[in-house]
Amino acid sequence: MKLLIVDDNANNRLVLNLLLQDYGEDKNEVYEIEECQNALEAVNKAKKGNYNIIFKDFKKWPTNSQP
């Protein structure tokens, strides 16, 4: 299963990555986990990758119309 973690906080990405790896090991599943730290990276990765699940933080992502 291919997963993407999107969060500007490196610690949050690390914790979720470790939790997902541990969960996958318990289920005898292999997760391909990628990370990025902002919306632009996430959109670019999502266009190129075929992710089963994308995890993102709850903050409102900036757009072109917002600072």
PDB file of N, CA and C in Angstrom:
ATOM      1  N   MET A   1       0.847  -1.162   0.000  1.00  0.00           N
ATOM      2  CA  MET A   1       0.000   0.000   0.000  1.00  0.00           C
ATOM      3  C   MET A   1       0.900   1.234   0.000  1.00  0.00           C
ATOM      4  N   LYS A   2       0.558   2.206  -0.805  1.00  0.00           N
ATOM      5  CA  LYS A   2       1.365   3.414  -0.940  1.00  0.00           C
ATOM      6  C   LYS A   2       0.684   4.562  -0.189  1.00  0.00           C
ATOM      7  N   LEU A   3       1.437   5.163   0.754  1.00  0.00           N
ATOM      8  CA  LEU A   3       0.895   6.197   1.621  1.00  0.00           C
ATOM      9  C   LEU A   3       1.716   7.475   1.501  1.00  0.00           C
ATOM     10  N   LEU A   4       1.054   8.613   1.683  1.00  0.00           N
ATOM     11  CA  LEU A   4       1.736   9.905   1.691  1.00  0.00           C
ATOM     12  C   LEU A   4       1.361  10.638   2.968  1.00  0.00           C
ATOM     13  N   ILE A   5       2.376  11.123   3.684  1.00  0.00           N
ATOM     14  CA  ILE A   5       2.173  11.912   4.898  1.00  0.00           C
ATOM     15  C   ILE A   5       2.545  13.353   4.575  1.00  0.00           C
ATOM     16  N   VAL A   6       1.607  14.274   4.817  1.00  0.00           N
ATOM     17  CA  VAL A   6       1.838  15.691   4.546  1.00  0.00           C
ATOM     18  C   VAL A   6       1.680  16.464   5.850  1.00  0.00           C
ATOM     19  N   ASP A   7       2.766  17.052   6.321  1.00  0.00           N
ATOM     20  CA  ASP A   7       2.719  17.854   7.547  1.00  0.00           C
ATOM     21  C   ASP A   7       3.958  18.733   7.580  1.00  0.00           C
ATOM     22  N   ASP A   8       3.801  19.986   7.979  1.00  0.00           N
ATOM     23  CA  ASP A   8       4.955  20.881   8.047  1.00  0.00           C
ATOM     24  C   ASP A   8       5.829  20.597   9.266  1.00  0.00           C
ATOM     25  N   ASN A   9       5.319  19.819  10.203  1.00  0.00           N
ATOM     26  CA  ASN A   9       6.065  19.486  11.411  1.00  0.00           C
ATOM     27  C   ASN A   9       6.760  18.136  11.229  1.00  0.00           C
ATOM     28  N   ALA A  10       8.089  18.158  11.229  1.00  0.00           N
ATOM     29  CA  ALA A  10       8.869  16.933  11.005  1.00  0.00           C
ATOM     30  C   ALA A  10       8.608  15.886  12.078  1.00  0.00           C
ATOM     31  N   ASN A  11       8.390  16.316  13.319  1.00  0.00           N
ATOM     32  CA  ASN A  11       8.114  15.360  14.398  1.00  0.00           C
ATOM     33  C   ASN A  11       6.798  14.629  14.167  1.00  0.00           C
ATOM     34  N   ASN A  12       5.782  15.356  13.699  1.00  0.00           N
ATOM     35  CA  ASN A  12       4.497  14.718  13.405  1.00  0.00           C
ATOM     36  C   ASN A  12       4.639  13.684  12.294  1.00  0.00           C
ATOM     37  N   ARG A  13       5.408  14.042  11.257  1.00  0.00           N
ATOM     38  CA  ARG A  13       5.632  13.092  10.164  1.00  0.00           C
ATOM     39  C   ARG A  13       6.350  11.848  10.666  1.00  0.00           C
ATOM     40  N   LEU A  14       7.355  12.038  11.506  1.00  0.00           N
ATOM     41  CA  LEU A  14       8.115  10.911  12.042  1.00  0.00           C
ATOM     42  C   LEU A  14       7.233   9.991  12.874  1.00  0.00           C
ATOM     43  N   VAL A  15       6.449  10.570  13.779  1.00  0.00           N
ATOM     44  CA  VAL A  15       5.591   9.761  14.654  1.00  0.00           C
ATOM     45  C   VAL A  15       4.579   8.972  13.833  1.00  0.00           C
ATOM     46  N   LEU A  16       3.910   9.622  12.892  1.00  0.00           N
ATOM     47  CA  LEU A  16       2.922   8.914  12.074  1.00  0.00           C
ATOM     48  C   LEU A  16       3.588   7.834  11.234  1.00  0.00           C
ATOM     49  N   ASN A  17       4.750   8.126  10.683  1.00  0.00           N
ATOM     50  CA  ASN A  17       5.481   7.139   9.895  1.00  0.00           C
ATOM     51  C   ASN A  17       5.786   5.906  10.740  1.00  0.00           C
ATOM     52  N   LEU A  18       6.301   6.115  11.947  1.00  0.00           N
ATOM     53  CA  LEU A  18       6.628   4.988  12.829  1.00  0.00           C
ATOM     54  C   LEU A  18       5.382   4.199  13.222  1.00  0.00           C
ATOM     55  N   LEU A  19       4.296   4.903  13.524  1.00  0.00           N
ATOM     56  CA  LEU A  19       3.045   4.220  13.876  1.00  0.00           C
ATOM     57  C   LEU A  19       2.526   3.374  12.715  1.00  0.00           C
ATOM     58  N   LEU A  20       2.573   3.922  11.514  1.00  0.00           N
ATOM     59  CA  LEU A  20       2.099   3.182  10.345  1.00  0.00           C
ATOM     60  C   LEU A  20       2.976   1.972  10.049  1.00  0.00           C
ATOM     61  N   GLN A  21       4.289   2.137  10.173  1.00  0.00           N
ATOM     62  CA  GLN A  21       5.188   1.001   9.966  1.00  0.00           C
ATOM     63  C   GLN A  21       4.905  -0.100  10.980  1.00  0.00           C
ATOM     64  N   ASP A  22       4.725   0.284  12.240  1.00  0.00           N
ATOM     65  CA  ASP A  22       4.440  -0.689  13.294  1.00  0.00           C
ATOM     66  C   ASP A  22       3.113  -1.398  13.030  1.00  0.00           C
ATOM     67  N   TYR A  23       2.103  -0.634  12.637  1.00  0.00           N
ATOM     68  CA  TYR A  23       0.799  -1.223  12.327  1.00  0.00           C
ATOM     69  C   TYR A  23       0.920  -2.192  11.153  1.00  0.00           C
ATOM     70  N   GLY A  24       1.657  -1.796  10.136  1.00  0.00           N
ATOM     71  CA  GLY A  24       1.846  -2.664   8.976  1.00  0.00           C
ATOM     72  C   GLY A  24       2.536  -3.964   9.337  1.00  0.00           C
ATOM     73  N   GLU A  25       3.539  -3.882  10.207  1.00  0.00           N
ATOM     74  CA  GLU A  25       4.237  -5.097  10.646  1.00  0.00           C
ATOM     75  C   GLU A  25       3.293  -6.023  11.396  1.00  0.00           C
ATOM     76  N   ASP A  26       2.421  -5.450  12.237  1.00  0.00           N
ATOM     77  CA  ASP A  26       1.448  -6.264  12.975  1.00  0.00           C
ATOM     78  C   ASP A  26       0.488  -6.983  12.034  1.00  0.00           C
ATOM     79  N   LYS A  27       0.172  -6.371  10.915  1.00  0.00           N
ATOM     80  CA  LYS A  27      -0.769  -6.942   9.939  1.00  0.00           C
ATOM     81  C   LYS A  27      -0.058  -7.707   8.826  1.00  0.00           C
ATOM     82  N   ASN A  28       1.275  -7.847   8.938  1.00  0.00           N
ATOM     83  CA  ASN A  28       2.079  -8.492   7.895  1.00  0.00           C
ATOM     84  C   ASN A  28       1.887  -7.826   6.536  1.00  0.00           C
ATOM     85  N   GLU A  29       1.806  -6.502   6.561  1.00  0.00           N
ATOM     86  CA  GLU A  29       1.666  -5.722   5.339  1.00  0.00           C
ATOM     87  C   GLU A  29       2.873  -4.807   5.192  1.00  0.00           C
ATOM     88  N   VAL A  30       3.224  -4.522   3.962  1.00  0.00           N
ATOM     89  CA  VAL A  30       4.327  -3.609   3.695  1.00  0.00           C
ATOM     90  C   VAL A  30       3.737  -2.306   3.169  1.00  0.00           C
ATOM     91  N   TYR A  31       4.079  -1.208   3.826  1.00  0.00           N
ATOM     92  CA  TYR A  31       3.618   0.107   3.397  1.00  0.00           C
ATOM     93  C   TYR A  31       4.784   0.871   2.787  1.00  0.00           C
ATOM     94  N   GLU A  32       4.556   1.409   1.621  1.00  0.00           N
ATOM     95  CA  GLU A  32       5.522   2.321   1.012  1.00  0.00           C
ATOM     96  C   GLU A  32       5.088   3.723   1.435  1.00  0.00           C
ATOM     97  N   ILE A  33       5.863   4.331   2.326  1.00  0.00           N
ATOM     98  CA  ILE A  33       5.482   5.610   2.919  1.00  0.00           C
ATOM     99  C   ILE A  33       6.398   6.716   2.411  1.00  0.00           C
ATOM    100  N   GLU A  34       5.778   7.762   1.889  1.00  0.00           N
ATOM    101  CA  GLU A  34       6.513   8.951   1.475  1.00  0.00           C
ATOM    102  C   GLU A  34       6.014  10.125   2.303  1.00  0.00           C
ATOM    103  N   GLU A  35       6.865  11.142   2.424  1.00  0.00           N
ATOM    104  CA  GLU A  35       6.528  12.315   3.222  1.00  0.00           C
ATOM    105  C   GLU A  35       6.791  13.585   2.434  1.00  0.00           C
ATOM    106  N   CYS A  36       6.052  14.636   2.783  1.00  0.00           N
ATOM    107  CA  CYS A  36       6.355  15.975   2.299  1.00  0.00           C
ATOM    108  C   CYS A  36       5.857  16.975   3.326  1.00  0.00           C
ATOM    109  N   GLN A  37       6.320  18.229   3.186  1.00  0.00           N
ATOM    110  CA  GLN A  37       6.050  19.181   4.250  1.00  0.00           C
ATOM    111  C   GLN A  37       5.126  20.334   3.886  1.00  0.00           C
ATOM    112  N   ASN A  38       4.637  20.369   2.644  1.00  0.00           N
ATOM    113  CA  ASN A  38       3.714  21.456   2.310  1.00  0.00           C
ATOM    114  C   ASN A  38       2.762  21.031   1.195  1.00  0.00           C
ATOM    115  N   ALA A  39       1.766  21.884   0.963  1.00  0.00           N
ATOM    116  CA  ALA A  39       0.715  21.560   0.004  1.00  0.00           C
ATOM    117  C   ALA A  39       1.242  21.438  -1.421  1.00  0.00           C
ATOM    118  N   LEU A  40       2.166  22.310  -1.790  1.00  0.00           N
ATOM    119  CA  LEU A  40       2.704  22.258  -3.153  1.00  0.00           C
ATOM    120  C   LEU A  40       3.414  20.941  -3.416  1.00  0.00           C
ATOM    121  N   GLU A  41       4.244  20.514  -2.478  1.00  0.00           N
ATOM    122  CA  GLU A  41       4.906  19.208  -2.607  1.00  0.00           C
ATOM    123  C   GLU A  41       3.872  18.092  -2.694  1.00  0.00           C
ATOM    124  N   ALA A  42       2.847  18.183  -1.854  1.00  0.00           N
ATOM    125  CA  ALA A  42       1.817  17.137  -1.817  1.00  0.00           C
ATOM    126  C   ALA A  42       1.089  17.023  -3.148  1.00  0.00           C
ATOM    127  N   VAL A  43       0.733  18.153  -3.720  1.00  0.00           N
ATOM    128  CA  VAL A  43       0.028  18.138  -5.004  1.00  0.00           C
ATOM    129  C   VAL A  43       0.920  17.547  -6.088  1.00  0.00           C
ATOM    130  N   ASN A  44       2.183  17.955  -6.115  1.00  0.00           N
ATOM    131  CA  ASN A  44       3.108  17.420  -7.123  1.00  0.00           C
ATOM    132  C   ASN A  44       3.312  15.921  -6.959  1.00  0.00           C
ATOM    133  N   LYS A  45       3.464  15.459  -5.718  1.00  0.00           N
ATOM    134  CA  LYS A  45       3.629  14.024  -5.483  1.00  0.00           C
ATOM    135  C   LYS A  45       2.350  13.267  -5.846  1.00  0.00           C
ATOM    136  N   ALA A  46       1.200  13.834  -5.495  1.00  0.00           N
ATOM    137  CA  ALA A  46      -0.070  13.164  -5.781  1.00  0.00           C
ATOM    138  C   ALA A  46      -0.300  13.020  -7.284  1.00  0.00           C
ATOM    139  N   LYS A  47       0.156  13.999  -8.055  1.00  0.00           N
ATOM    140  CA  LYS A  47       0.017  13.918  -9.515  1.00  0.00           C
ATOM    141  C   LYS A  47       0.870  12.797 -10.093  1.00  0.00           C
ATOM    142  N   LYS A  48       2.043  12.573  -9.496  1.00  0.00           N
ATOM    143  CA  LYS A  48       2.985  11.576 -10.011  1.00  0.00           C
ATOM    144  C   LYS A  48       2.763  10.196  -9.417  1.00  0.00           C
ATOM    145  N   GLY A  49       2.332  10.156  -8.148  1.00  0.00           N
ATOM    146  CA  GLY A  49       2.205   8.881  -7.456  1.00  0.00           C
ATOM    147  C   GLY A  49       0.775   8.391  -7.441  1.00  0.00           C
ATOM    148  N   ASN A  50       0.643   7.122  -7.205  1.00  0.00           N
ATOM    149  CA  ASN A  50      -0.672   6.511  -7.112  1.00  0.00           C
ATOM    150  C   ASN A  50      -0.868   6.093  -5.658  1.00  0.00           C
ATOM    151  N   TYR A  51      -1.212   7.051  -4.798  1.00  0.00           N
ATOM    152  CA  TYR A  51      -1.313   6.794  -3.362  1.00  0.00           C
ATOM    153  C   TYR A  51      -2.667   6.201  -3.003  1.00  0.00           C
ATOM    154  N   ASN A  52      -2.636   5.228  -2.118  1.00  0.00           N
ATOM    155  CA  ASN A  52      -3.870   4.656  -1.605  1.00  0.00           C
ATOM    156  C   ASN A  52      -4.495   5.565  -0.552  1.00  0.00           C
ATOM    157  N   ILE A  53      -3.636   6.176   0.269  1.00  0.00           N
ATOM    158  CA  ILE A  53      -4.099   7.073   1.329  1.00  0.00           C
ATOM    159  C   ILE A  53      -3.134   8.249   1.437  1.00  0.00           C
ATOM    160  N   ILE A  54      -3.691   9.448   1.616  1.00  0.00           N
ATOM    161  CA  ILE A  54      -2.890  10.641   1.888  1.00  0.00           C
ATOM    162  C   ILE A  54      -3.320  11.180   3.247  1.00  0.00           C
ATOM    163  N   PHE A  55      -2.363  11.273   4.163  1.00  0.00           N
ATOM    164  CA  PHE A  55      -2.602  11.837   5.487  1.00  0.00           C
ATOM    165  C   PHE A  55      -2.099  13.277   5.470  1.00  0.00           C
ATOM    166  N   LYS A  56      -2.936  14.225   5.883  1.00  0.00           N
ATOM    167  CA  LYS A  56      -2.496  15.617   5.941  1.00  0.00           C
ATOM    168  C   LYS A  56      -2.873  16.220   7.280  1.00  0.00           C
ATOM    169  N   ASP A  57      -2.134  17.271   7.656  1.00  0.00           N
ATOM    170  CA  ASP A  57      -2.460  17.926   8.913  1.00  0.00           C
ATOM    171  C   ASP A  57      -3.759  18.708   8.759  1.00  0.00           C
ATOM    172  N   PHE A  58      -4.270  19.203   9.871  1.00  0.00           N
ATOM    173  CA  PHE A  58      -5.578  19.850   9.856  1.00  0.00           C
ATOM    174  C   PHE A  58      -5.528  21.343   9.566  1.00  0.00           C
ATOM    175  N   LYS A  59      -4.335  21.899   9.471  1.00  0.00           N
ATOM    176  CA  LYS A  59      -4.240  23.330   9.188  1.00  0.00           C
ATOM    177  C   LYS A  59      -4.777  23.626   7.802  1.00  0.00           C
ATOM    178  N   LYS A  60      -5.322  24.811   7.662  1.00  0.00           N
ATOM    179  CA  LYS A  60      -5.790  25.235   6.342  1.00  0.00           C
ATOM    180  C   LYS A  60      -4.577  25.469   5.451  1.00  0.00           C
ATOM    181  N   TRP A  61      -4.565  24.852   4.299  1.00  0.00           N
ATOM    182  CA  TRP A  61      -3.436  24.990   3.381  1.00  0.00           C
ATOM    183  C   TRP A  61      -3.534  26.317   2.659  1.00  0.00           C
ATOM    184  N   PRO A  62      -2.410  27.019   2.530  1.00  0.00           N
ATOM    185  CA  PRO A  62      -2.439  28.282   1.780  1.00  0.00           C
ATOM    186  C   PRO A  62      -2.673  28.041   0.289  1.00  0.00           C
ATOM    187  N   THR A  63      -3.346  28.983  -0.315  1.00  0.00           N
ATOM    188  CA  THR A  63      -3.564  28.928  -1.764  1.00  0.00           C
ATOM    189  C   THR A  63      -2.966  30.189  -2.373  1.00  0.00           C
ATOM    190  N   ASN A  64      -3.096  30.328  -3.658  1.00  0.00           N
ATOM    191  CA  ASN A  64      -2.555  31.515  -4.324  1.00  0.00           C
ATOM    192  C   ASN A  64      -3.204  32.803  -3.835  1.00  0.00           C
ATOM    193  N   SER A  65      -4.442  32.738  -3.365  1.00  0.00           N
ATOM    194  CA  SER A  65      -5.148  33.944  -2.937  1.00  0.00           C
ATOM    195  C   SER A  65      -4.884  34.295  -1.477  1.00  0.00           C
ATOM    196  N   GLN A  66      -4.119  33.469  -0.782  1.00  0.00           N
ATOM    197  CA  GLN A  66      -3.833  33.718   0.629  1.00  0.00           C
ATOM    198  C   GLN A  66      -2.335  33.854   0.829  1.00  0.00           C
ATOM    199  N   PRO A  67      -1.927  34.682   1.825  1.00  0.00           N
ATOM    200  CA  PRO A  67      -0.482  34.809   2.100  1.00  0.00           C
ATOM    201  C   PRO A  67       0.101  33.552   2.675  1.00  0.00           C
TER     202      PRO A  67
END
